[in-house]
PDB file of N, CA and C in Angstrom:
ATOM      1  N   MET A   1      18.311 103.655   7.290  1.00  0.00           N
ATOM      2  CA  MET A   1      17.973 104.628   8.404  1.00  0.00           C
ATOM      3  C   MET A   1      16.601 104.153   9.267  1.00  0.00           C
ATOM      4  N   LYS A   2      16.888 104.259  10.703  1.00  0.00           N
ATOM      5  CA  LYS A   2      15.543 103.887  11.344  1.00  0.00           C
ATOM      6  C   LYS A   2      14.865 104.800  12.009  1.00  0.00           C
ATOM      7  N   PHE A   3      13.588 105.164  12.172  1.00  0.00           N
ATOM      8  CA  PHE A   3      12.761 106.094  12.703  1.00  0.00           C
ATOM      9  C   PHE A   3      12.183 105.646  13.923  1.00  0.00           C
ATOM     10  N   GLU A   4      12.268 106.175  15.082  1.00  0.00           N
ATOM     11  CA  GLU A   4      11.658 106.003  15.911  1.00  0.00           C
ATOM     12  C   GLU A   4      10.791 106.963  16.445  1.00  0.00           C
ATOM     13  N   GLN A   5       9.481 106.254  16.803  1.00  0.00           N
ATOM     14  CA  GLN A   5       8.095 107.277  17.049  1.00  0.00           C
ATOM     15  C   GLN A   5       8.430 108.277  18.449  1.00  0.00           C
ATOM     16  N   ASN A   6       8.299 109.497  18.416  1.00  0.00           N
ATOM     17  CA  ASN A   6       8.560 110.097  19.648  1.00  0.00           C
ATOM     18  C   ASN A   6       7.632 109.766  20.674  1.00  0.00           C
ATOM     19  N   LYS A   7       7.997 109.269  21.727  1.00  0.00           N
ATOM     20  CA  LYS A   7       6.884 108.541  23.002  1.00  0.00           C
ATOM     21  C   LYS A   7       6.799 109.730  23.812  1.00  0.00           C
ATOM     22  N   SER A   8       7.112 111.181  24.047  1.00  0.00           N
ATOM     23  CA  SER A   8       6.919 112.342  24.793  1.00  0.00           C
ATOM     24  C   SER A   8       5.784 112.697  23.820  1.00  0.00           C
ATOM     25  N   VAL A   9       5.818 113.071  22.957  1.00  0.00           N
ATOM     26  CA  VAL A   9       4.494 113.673  22.186  1.00  0.00           C
ATOM     27  C   VAL A   9       3.096 112.970  22.424  1.00  0.00           C
ATOM     28  N   GLU A  10       3.810 111.547  22.578  1.00  0.00           N
ATOM     29  CA  GLU A  10       2.274 110.712  22.488  1.00  0.00           C
ATOM     30  C   GLU A  10       1.716 110.491  24.264  1.00  0.00           C
ATOM     31  N   LYS A  11       2.792 110.405  24.732  1.00  0.00           N
ATOM     32  CA  LYS A  11       2.128 110.621  26.270  1.00  0.00           C
ATOM     33  C   LYS A  11       1.501 111.839  26.604  1.00  0.00           C
ATOM     34  N   TRP A  12       2.113 113.213  26.118  1.00  0.00           N
ATOM     35  CA  TRP A  12       1.517 114.555  26.210  1.00  0.00           C
ATOM     36  C   TRP A  12       0.199 114.549  25.455  1.00  0.00           C
ATOM     37  N   GLY A  13      -0.214 113.978  24.488  1.00  0.00           N
ATOM     38  CA  GLY A  13      -1.534 113.854  24.089  1.00  0.00           C
ATOM     39  C   GLY A  13      -2.426 112.958  24.394  1.00  0.00           C
ATOM     40  N   GLU A  14      -1.939 112.340  24.834  1.00  0.00           N
ATOM     41  CA  GLU A  14      -2.848 111.056  26.335  1.00  0.00           C
ATOM     42  C   GLU A  14      -3.475 111.921  27.251  1.00  0.00           C
ATOM     43  N   LYS A  15      -2.214 112.467  27.792  1.00  0.00           N
ATOM     44  CA  LYS A  15      -2.826 113.110  29.356  1.00  0.00           C
ATOM     45  C   LYS A  15      -3.670 114.602  28.913  1.00  0.00           C
ATOM     46  N   VAL A  16      -3.447 115.214  27.871  1.00  0.00           N
ATOM     47  CA  VAL A  16      -4.114 116.219  27.362  1.00  0.00           C
ATOM     48  C   VAL A  16      -5.642 115.769  26.975  1.00  0.00           C
ATOM     49  N   GLY A  17      -5.531 114.511  25.956  1.00  0.00           N
ATOM     50  CA  GLY A  17      -7.100 113.909  26.074  1.00  0.00           C
ATOM     51  C   GLY A  17      -7.666 113.339  26.966  1.00  0.00           C
ATOM     52  N   TYR A  18      -7.116 113.095  28.099  1.00  0.00           N
ATOM     53  CA  TYR A  18      -7.891 112.388  29.262  1.00  0.00           C
ATOM     54  C   TYR A  18      -8.004 113.845  29.980  1.00  0.00           C
ATOM     55  N   LEU A  19      -7.416 114.717  30.142  1.00  0.00           N
ATOM     56  CA  LEU A  19      -8.040 116.194  30.841  1.00  0.00           C
ATOM     57  C   LEU A  19      -9.062 116.620  30.279  1.00  0.00           C
ATOM     58  N   PHE A  20      -9.291 116.814  28.911  1.00  0.00           N
ATOM     59  CA  PHE A  20     -10.395 117.402  27.783  1.00  0.00           C
ATOM     60  C   PHE A  20     -11.570 116.196  28.290  1.00  0.00           C
ATOM     61  N   SER A  21     -11.216 115.128  28.092  1.00  0.00           N
ATOM     62  CA  SER A  21     -12.466 114.494  28.425  1.00  0.00           C
ATOM     63  C   SER A  21     -13.073 114.577  29.645  1.00  0.00           C
ATOM     64  N   TYR A  22     -12.128 114.612  30.965  1.00  0.00           N
ATOM     65  CA  TYR A  22     -12.812 114.855  32.202  1.00  0.00           C
ATOM     66  C   TYR A  22     -13.366 116.347  32.091  1.00  0.00           C
ATOM     67  N   PHE A  23     -12.839 117.305  31.978  1.00  0.00           N
ATOM     68  CA  PHE A  23     -13.732 118.705  31.935  1.00  0.00           C
ATOM     69  C   PHE A  23     -15.201 118.800  30.916  1.00  0.00           C
ATOM     70  N   LEU A  24     -14.779 117.818  29.787  1.00  0.00           N
ATOM     71  CA  LEU A  24     -16.166 117.626  28.928  1.00  0.00           C
ATOM     72  C   LEU A  24     -17.071 116.721  29.697  1.00  0.00           C
ATOM     73  N   PHE A  25     -16.782 115.587  30.458  1.00  0.00           N
ATOM     74  CA  PHE A  25     -17.732 114.942  31.182  1.00  0.00           C
ATOM     75  C   PHE A  25     -18.175 115.798  32.368  1.00  0.00           C
ATOM     76  N   THR A  26     -17.413 116.411  32.901  1.00  0.00           N
ATOM     77  CA  THR A  26     -17.850 116.915  34.236  1.00  0.00           C
ATOM     78  C   THR A  26     -18.855 117.972  33.848  1.00  0.00           C
ATOM     79  N   THR A  27     -18.560 118.719  32.765  1.00  0.00           N
ATOM     80  CA  THR A  27     -19.417 119.867  32.315  1.00  0.00           C
ATOM     81  C   THR A  27     -20.955 119.391  31.842  1.00  0.00           C
ATOM     82  N   PHE A  28     -20.798 118.353  30.964  1.00  0.00           N
ATOM     83  CA  PHE A  28     -22.276 117.447  30.517  1.00  0.00           C
ATOM     84  C   PHE A  28     -23.007 116.957  31.625  1.00  0.00           C
ATOM     85  N   LEU A  29     -22.178 116.544  33.085  1.00  0.00           N
ATOM     86  CA  LEU A  29     -22.901 116.012  33.909  1.00  0.00           C
ATOM     87  C   LEU A  29     -23.548 117.296  34.875  1.00  0.00           C
ATOM     88  N   TYR A  30     -22.601 118.238  34.790  1.00  0.00           N
ATOM     89  CA  TYR A  30     -23.459 119.208  35.822  1.00  0.00           C
ATOM     90  C   TYR A  30     -24.673 120.025  35.017  1.00  0.00           C
ATOM     91  N   PHE A  31     -24.454 119.942  33.662  1.00  0.00           N
ATOM     92  CA  PHE A  31     -25.654 120.364  33.276  1.00  0.00           C
ATOM     93  C   PHE A  31     -26.538 119.633  32.982  1.00  0.00           C
ATOM     94  N   ILE A  32     -26.626 118.372  33.018  1.00  0.00           N
ATOM     95  CA  ILE A  32     -27.677 117.342  32.956  1.00  0.00           C
ATOM     96  C   ILE A  32     -28.341 117.419  34.436  1.00  0.00           C
ATOM     97  N   LEU A  33     -27.756 117.362  35.737  1.00  0.00           N
ATOM     98  CA  LEU A  33     -28.210 117.553  36.784  1.00  0.00           C
ATOM     99  C   LEU A  33     -28.482 118.658  37.284  1.00  0.00           C
ATOM    100  N   SER A  34     -28.201 119.963  36.723  1.00  0.00           N
ATOM    101  CA  SER A  34     -29.025 121.369  36.841  1.00  0.00           C
ATOM    102  C   SER A  34     -30.050 121.391  36.158  1.00  0.00           C
ATOM    103  N   PHE A  35     -30.192 120.790  35.178  1.00  0.00           N
ATOM    104  CA  PHE A  35     -31.672 120.853  34.287  1.00  0.00           C
ATOM    105  C   PHE A  35     -32.420 120.031  34.620  1.00  0.00           C
ATOM    106  N   LEU A  36     -32.102 118.997  35.259  1.00  0.00           N
ATOM    107  CA  LEU A  36     -33.202 117.939  36.002  1.00  0.00           C
ATOM    108  C   LEU A  36     -33.521 118.407  37.665  1.00  0.00           C
ATOM    109  N   ASP A  37     -32.811 119.581  37.789  1.00  0.00           N
ATOM    110  CA  ASP A  37     -33.194 120.085  39.542  1.00  0.00           C
ATOM    111  C   ASP A  37     -32.957 119.015  40.412  1.00  0.00           C
ATOM    112  N   LYS A  38     -31.492 118.151  39.917  1.00  0.00           N
ATOM    113  CA  LYS A  38     -30.924 117.205  41.037  1.00  0.00           C
ATOM    114  C   LYS A  38     -29.814 117.415  41.502  1.00  0.00           C
ATOM    115  N   LEU A  39     -29.932 118.876  41.558  1.00  0.00           N
ATOM    116  CA  LEU A  39     -28.129 119.333  42.581  1.00  0.00           C
ATOM    117  C   LEU A  39     -28.638 120.001  43.760  1.00  0.00           C
ATOM    118  N   PRO A  40     -28.048 119.806  44.987  1.00  0.00           N
ATOM    119  CA  PRO A  40     -28.556 120.442  45.779  1.00  0.00           C
ATOM    120  C   PRO A  40     -28.621 122.226  45.844  1.00  0.00           C
ATOM    121  N   PRO A  41     -28.968 123.346  46.455  1.00  0.00           N
ATOM    122  CA  PRO A  41     -28.794 124.481  45.572  1.00  0.00           C
ATOM    123  C   PRO A  41     -27.926 125.122  46.264  1.00  0.00           C
ATOM    124  N   THR A  42     -26.814 124.583  47.189  1.00  0.00           N
ATOM    125  CA  THR A  42     -25.650 125.003  47.630  1.00  0.00           C
ATOM    126  C   THR A  42     -24.316 124.689  47.073  1.00  0.00           C
ATOM    127  N   TRP A  43     -24.507 123.779  45.950  1.00  0.00           N
ATOM    128  CA  TRP A  43     -23.485 123.283  45.008  1.00  0.00           C
ATOM    129  C   TRP A  43     -23.126 123.865  43.910  1.00  0.00           C
ATOM    130  N   SER A  44     -21.855 123.589  43.668  1.00  0.00           N
ATOM    131  CA  SER A  44     -21.826 124.433  42.231  1.00  0.00           C
ATOM    132  C   SER A  44     -20.742 123.457  41.417  1.00  0.00           C
ATOM    133  N   TYR A  45     -20.591 123.771  40.528  1.00  0.00           N
ATOM    134  CA  TYR A  45     -19.625 123.174  39.455  1.00  0.00           C
ATOM    135  C   TYR A  45     -18.396 122.420  40.064  1.00  0.00           C
ATOM    136  N   TYR A  46     -17.603 122.886  41.127  1.00  0.00           N
ATOM    137  CA  TYR A  46     -16.407 122.594  41.831  1.00  0.00           C
ATOM    138  C   TYR A  46     -16.966 121.099  42.586  1.00  0.00           C
ATOM    139  N   HIS A  47     -17.967 120.844  43.279  1.00  0.00           N
ATOM    140  CA  HIS A  47     -18.816 119.415  43.710  1.00  0.00           C
ATOM    141  C   HIS A  47     -18.817 118.950  42.954  1.00  0.00           C
ATOM    142  N   ILE A  48     -19.411 119.503  41.526  1.00  0.00           N
ATOM    143  CA  ILE A  48     -19.257 117.940  40.498  1.00  0.00           C
ATOM    144  C   ILE A  48     -18.051 117.720  40.064  1.00  0.00           C
ATOM    145  N   MET A  49     -17.076 118.460  39.883  1.00  0.00           N
ATOM    146  CA  MET A  49     -15.943 118.244  39.676  1.00  0.00           C
ATOM    147  C   MET A  49     -14.999 117.322  41.002  1.00  0.00           C
ATOM    148  N   ALA A  50     -15.240 117.664  41.785  1.00  0.00           N
ATOM    149  CA  ALA A  50     -14.762 116.586  43.002  1.00  0.00           C
ATOM    150  C   ALA A  50     -15.443 115.199  42.774  1.00  0.00           C
ATOM    151  N   ILE A  51     -16.366 114.911  42.647  1.00  0.00           N
ATOM    152  CA  ILE A  51     -17.242 113.868  42.401  1.00  0.00           C
ATOM    153  C   ILE A  51     -16.645 112.896  41.296  1.00  0.00           C
ATOM    154  N   THR A  52     -16.633 113.797  39.969  1.00  0.00           N
ATOM    155  CA  THR A  52     -16.120 113.122  39.096  1.00  0.00           C
ATOM    156  C   THR A  52     -14.564 112.965  39.277  1.00  0.00           C
ATOM    157  N   PHE A  53     -13.890 113.567  39.830  1.00  0.00           N
ATOM    158  CA  PHE A  53     -12.315 113.378  40.308  1.00  0.00           C
ATOM    159  C   PHE A  53     -12.478 112.023  40.858  1.00  0.00           C
ATOM    160  N   CYS A  54     -13.039 111.780  41.794  1.00  0.00           N
ATOM    161  CA  CYS A  54     -13.116 110.843  42.653  1.00  0.00           C
ATOM    162  C   CYS A  54     -13.507 109.572  42.021  1.00  0.00           C
ATOM    163  N   ILE A  55     -14.504 109.837  41.031  1.00  0.00           N
ATOM    164  CA  ILE A  55     -14.528 108.304  40.179  1.00  0.00           C
ATOM    165  C   ILE A  55     -13.489 108.181  39.152  1.00  0.00           C
ATOM    166  N   ALA A  56     -13.145 108.881  38.717  1.00  0.00           N
ATOM    167  CA  ALA A  56     -11.602 108.975  37.825  1.00  0.00           C
ATOM    168  C   ALA A  56     -10.861 108.006  38.493  1.00  0.00           C
ATOM    169  N   LEU A  57     -10.315 108.736  39.702  1.00  0.00           N
ATOM    170  CA  LEU A  57      -9.335 107.946  40.733  1.00  0.00           C
ATOM    171  C   LEU A  57      -9.712 106.825  41.017  1.00  0.00           C
ATOM    172  N   GLY A  58     -10.835 106.501  41.562  1.00  0.00           N
ATOM    173  CA  GLY A  58     -11.337 105.003  41.779  1.00  0.00           C
ATOM    174  C   GLY A  58     -11.046 104.149  40.584  1.00  0.00           C
ATOM    175  N   ALA A  59     -11.487 104.620  39.259  1.00  0.00           N
ATOM    176  CA  ALA A  59     -11.009 103.483  38.460  1.00  0.00           C
ATOM    177  C   ALA A  59      -9.448 103.608  38.145  1.00  0.00           C
ATOM    178  N   ILE A  60      -8.880 104.497  38.196  1.00  0.00           N
ATOM    179  CA  ILE A  60      -7.689 104.168  38.154  1.00  0.00           C
ATOM    180  C   ILE A  60      -6.932 103.158  39.393  1.00  0.00           C
ATOM    181  N   ILE A  61      -7.282 103.047  40.486  1.00  0.00           N
ATOM    182  CA  ILE A  61      -7.026 102.494  41.489  1.00  0.00           C
ATOM    183  C   ILE A  61      -7.105 100.852  41.115  1.00  0.00           C
ATOM    184  N   VAL A  62      -8.331 100.880  40.724  1.00  0.00           N
ATOM    185  CA  VAL A  62      -8.937  99.493  40.355  1.00  0.00           C
ATOM    186  C   VAL A  62      -7.771  98.918  39.401  1.00  0.00           C
ATOM    187  N   ARG A  63      -7.891  99.964  38.533  1.00  0.00           N
ATOM    188  CA  ARG A  63      -6.850  99.308  36.753  1.00  0.00           C
ATOM    189  C   ARG A  63      -5.765  98.882  37.224  1.00  0.00           C
ATOM    190  N   ARG A  64      -4.779  99.704  38.232  1.00  0.00           N
ATOM    191  CA  ARG A  64      -3.902  99.066  38.522  1.00  0.00           C
ATOM    192  C   ARG A  64      -3.694  98.181  39.562  1.00  0.00           C
ATOM    193  N   LEU A  65      -4.476  97.719  40.475  1.00  0.00           N
ATOM    194  CA  LEU A  65      -4.682  96.778  41.237  1.00  0.00           C
ATOM    195  C   LEU A  65      -5.100  95.582  40.330  1.00  0.00           C
ATOM    196  N   LEU A  66      -5.806  95.522  39.320  1.00  0.00           N
ATOM    197  CA  LEU A  66      -5.709  94.413  38.361  1.00  0.00           C
ATOM    198  C   LEU A  66      -4.814  93.937  37.178  1.00  0.00           C
ATOM    199  N   ARG A  67      -3.755  94.704  37.458  1.00  0.00           N
ATOM    200  CA  ARG A  67      -2.563  94.415  36.661  1.00  0.00           C
ATOM    201  C   ARG A  67      -2.179  93.154  37.018  1.00  0.00           C
TER     202      ARG A  67
END
């Protein structure tokens, strides 16, 4: 009998892990910047989320270009 790994669970776990890491990094970055008073007074957590998303998107684009 041959048993194959379930690839759908593996891909789902990878995406959930990436999403968890994204929010964890964004939260740490927000708290560090707010603790050091480096955030403009009008910025919120959503602005940091947008910046982090742009960095992650740029990394994905560079990775695909270098394939």
